[in-house]
């Protein structure tokens, strides 16, 4: 099974008309299965579906979410819709605490967990379809560090691989060479 890691975006909440995401964090979601939008309307599912078609293999989708009720509810709904629609095999999600632009500890934890998950899966793919936000930037970085392919799927269903970048002067714990010719 092909592994795909993506950030849980909030698009699903709008598409499903969720007004109170905090109420869905611990609720049973089975009754929401019939409200799932088409996979093409949910960026994470759209990427998984297109990647699966391209590779001719089922995609296992794992999500990373921040520790907000909105993000957790969105992750749960995306995985429910992945199962209901068959767009991907839902593998689950994990949360990162204190992820915010100015919180270096939260950002470091986000990167560490993403790199660990990708390495454990033997690489795989990282989707940056969810939009240009900090989570997507750090997921791309984690993908490159872990040897995964960073992909983007546009609204038309075209899949693009984001070129690998050379990452210099990062700590050895991340498994990257830090020496640079000067």
Protein backbone atom coordinates (compact mmCIF):
# COMPACT_ATOMS: atom_id res chain seq x y z
CA UNK A 1 0.00 0.00 0.00
CA UNK A 2 1.28 3.46 -0.89
CA UNK A 3 1.63 5.78 2.11
CA UNK A 4 0.41 9.38 1.89
CA UNK A 5 0.81 11.94 4.66
CA UNK A 6 -1.23 15.15 4.54
CA UNK A 7 -2.20 17.99 6.83
CA UNK A 8 -5.84 18.02 7.88
CA UNK A 9 -7.37 21.13 6.36
CA UNK A 10 -10.67 22.69 7.34
CA UNK A 11 -12.33 22.51 3.90
CA UNK A 12 -14.27 19.43 4.97
CA UNK A 13 -15.98 21.36 7.77
CA UNK A 14 -17.45 23.86 5.30
CA UNK A 15 -18.39 21.17 2.80
CA UNK A 16 -20.26 19.18 5.45
CA UNK A 17 -21.87 22.23 7.09
CA UNK A 18 -20.27 21.69 10.50
CA UNK A 19 -21.02 24.64 12.78
CA UNK A 20 -19.63 23.24 16.04
CA UNK A 21 -16.42 21.28 15.41
CA UNK A 22 -15.73 20.98 19.15
CA UNK A 23 -18.87 18.86 19.45
CA UNK A 24 -17.47 16.34 16.95
CA UNK A 25 -14.11 15.76 18.62
CA UNK A 26 -15.37 12.87 20.77
CA UNK A 27 -18.70 12.15 19.03
CA UNK A 28 -19.51 9.09 16.96
CA UNK A 29 -19.36 10.13 13.33
CA UNK A 30 -21.15 7.24 11.63
CA UNK A 31 -24.26 9.36 11.05
CA UNK A 32 -22.18 11.84 9.02
CA UNK A 33 -21.16 9.27 6.41
CA UNK A 34 -24.06 10.11 4.10
CA UNK A 35 -23.07 13.80 4.14
CA UNK A 36 -19.58 13.21 2.72
CA UNK A 37 -18.81 15.35 -0.33
CA UNK A 38 -17.21 13.91 -3.45
CA UNK A 39 -13.47 13.23 -2.96
CA UNK A 40 -12.67 15.88 -5.60
CA UNK A 41 -14.13 18.51 -3.24
CA UNK A 42 -11.82 17.63 -0.33
CA UNK A 43 -8.14 18.39 -1.04
CA UNK A 44 -6.73 15.53 1.04
CA UNK A 45 -9.05 12.96 -0.56
CA UNK A 46 -8.57 14.42 -4.01
CA UNK A 47 -4.79 13.99 -3.69
CA UNK A 48 -5.17 10.41 -2.42
CA UNK A 49 -7.58 9.47 -5.19
CA UNK A 50 -5.44 10.96 -7.97
CA UNK A 51 -2.24 9.41 -6.58
CA UNK A 52 -3.95 6.02 -6.30
CA UNK A 53 -5.13 6.20 -9.91
CA UNK A 54 -1.68 7.25 -11.10
CA UNK A 55 0.08 4.43 -9.26
CA UNK A 56 -2.63 1.84 -9.75
CA UNK A 57 -2.48 1.07 -6.03
CA UNK A 58 -4.55 1.78 -2.98
CA UNK A 59 -3.30 4.75 -0.97
CA UNK A 60 -3.10 4.64 2.82
CA UNK A 61 -3.89 8.13 4.11
CA UNK A 62 -2.55 9.42 7.42
CA UNK A 63 -3.22 12.96 8.57
CA UNK A 64 -1.42 15.35 10.83
CA UNK A 65 -3.61 17.77 12.75
CA UNK A 66 -2.96 20.60 15.14
CA UNK A 67 -4.44 20.25 18.61
CA UNK A 68 -7.43 22.51 17.93
CA UNK A 69 -10.99 21.16 17.95
CA UNK A 70 -11.42 22.29 14.33
CA UNK A 71 -8.38 20.41 13.11
CA UNK A 72 -9.18 17.24 15.07
CA UNK A 73 -12.80 17.23 13.85
CA UNK A 74 -11.63 17.85 10.28
CA UNK A 75 -9.15 14.95 10.47
CA UNK A 76 -11.83 12.60 11.77
CA UNK A 77 -14.29 13.64 9.05
CA UNK A 78 -11.69 13.34 6.27
CA UNK A 79 -10.87 9.80 7.37
CA UNK A 80 -14.56 8.92 7.60
CA UNK A 81 -15.12 10.22 4.07
CA UNK A 82 -12.01 8.39 2.85
CA UNK A 83 -13.52 5.14 4.10
CA UNK A 84 -17.04 5.85 2.83
CA UNK A 85 -15.93 6.99 -0.63
CA UNK A 86 -13.13 4.46 -1.04
CA UNK A 87 -10.77 7.27 -2.09
CA UNK A 88 -8.12 6.01 0.34
CA UNK A 89 -7.49 3.57 3.14
CA UNK A 90 -7.78 5.64 6.35
CA UNK A 91 -4.73 4.98 8.52
CA UNK A 92 -5.57 7.50 11.22
CA UNK A 93 -4.22 10.83 12.36
CA UNK A 94 -1.95 12.25 14.99
CA UNK A 95 -1.96 15.67 16.60
CA UNK A 96 0.84 18.10 17.22
CA UNK A 97 0.52 20.27 20.29
CA UNK A 98 1.33 23.98 20.31
CA UNK A 99 1.92 24.21 16.56
CA UNK A 100 1.93 27.93 15.82
CA UNK A 101 4.11 30.27 13.74
CA UNK A 102 6.08 31.60 16.71
CA UNK A 103 6.33 28.40 18.75
CA UNK A 104 9.62 26.77 17.81
CA UNK A 105 8.99 23.81 20.09
CA UNK A 106 5.66 23.09 18.34
CA UNK A 107 7.25 23.44 14.91
CA UNK A 108 10.13 21.14 15.91
CA UNK A 109 7.66 18.55 17.18
CA UNK A 110 5.66 18.81 13.95
CA UNK A 111 8.79 18.20 11.88
CA UNK A 112 10.08 15.40 14.11
CA UNK A 113 6.81 13.46 14.06
CA UNK A 114 6.32 13.86 10.32
CA UNK A 115 9.86 12.70 9.56
CA UNK A 116 9.47 9.71 11.92
CA UNK A 117 6.16 8.67 10.31
CA UNK A 118 7.55 8.97 6.81
CA UNK A 119 10.70 7.04 7.63
CA UNK A 120 8.68 4.31 9.36
CA UNK A 121 6.58 4.01 6.20
CA UNK A 122 9.69 3.76 4.05
CA UNK A 123 9.16 7.10 2.37
CA UNK A 124 5.96 7.37 0.46
CA UNK A 125 4.34 10.65 -0.45
CA UNK A 126 3.50 13.97 1.17
CA UNK A 127 0.56 15.96 -0.14
CA UNK A 128 0.73 19.72 -0.10
CA UNK A 129 -2.65 20.13 -1.77
CA UNK A 130 -4.33 21.54 1.32
CA UNK A 131 -3.23 25.06 0.52
CA UNK A 132 -0.25 27.19 1.20
CA UNK A 133 0.03 27.44 4.97
CA UNK A 134 2.72 26.70 7.52
CA UNK A 135 1.70 23.08 7.94
CA UNK A 136 2.17 22.49 4.23
CA UNK A 137 5.60 24.14 4.21
CA UNK A 138 6.78 21.99 7.12
CA UNK A 139 5.26 18.84 5.61
CA UNK A 140 7.18 19.46 2.41
CA UNK A 141 10.36 19.93 4.43
CA UNK A 142 9.67 16.72 6.38
CA UNK A 143 9.06 14.87 3.13
CA UNK A 144 12.36 15.94 1.67
CA UNK A 145 14.20 15.09 4.90
CA UNK A 146 12.64 11.62 4.99
CA UNK A 147 13.18 10.85 1.31
CA UNK A 148 9.47 10.98 0.46
CA UNK A 149 8.04 12.46 -2.73
CA UNK A 150 6.29 15.77 -2.23
CA UNK A 151 3.27 16.04 -4.49
CA UNK A 152 0.69 18.60 -5.45
CA UNK A 153 -2.64 17.84 -7.11
CA UNK A 154 -4.39 20.78 -8.74
CA UNK A 155 -8.14 21.22 -8.97
CA UNK A 156 -8.17 19.67 -12.43
CA UNK A 157 -6.69 16.43 -11.10
CA UNK A 158 -3.18 16.93 -12.46
CA UNK A 159 -0.49 15.50 -10.22
CA UNK A 160 2.86 17.24 -9.91
CA UNK A 161 5.96 16.27 -7.96
CA UNK A 162 7.59 19.22 -6.26
CA UNK A 163 11.32 19.15 -7.05
CA UNK A 164 13.66 18.01 -4.28
CA UNK A 165 15.55 20.82 -2.63
CA UNK A 166 18.94 20.63 -0.97
CA UNK A 167 18.64 21.36 2.72
CA UNK A 168 21.80 22.60 4.38
CA UNK A 169 22.88 23.38 7.92
CA UNK A 170 20.21 21.42 9.74
CA UNK A 171 20.89 19.49 12.96
CA UNK A 172 22.34 15.99 12.61
CA UNK A 173 19.32 14.58 14.53
CA UNK A 174 17.27 15.15 11.39
CA UNK A 175 19.61 12.87 9.47
CA UNK A 176 20.90 15.46 7.02
CA UNK A 177 24.46 16.40 6.20
CA UNK A 178 25.21 19.80 7.65
CA UNK A 179 28.55 20.57 6.06
CA UNK A 180 28.56 23.03 3.21
CA UNK A 181 31.49 24.12 1.08
CA UNK A 182 32.13 27.74 1.83
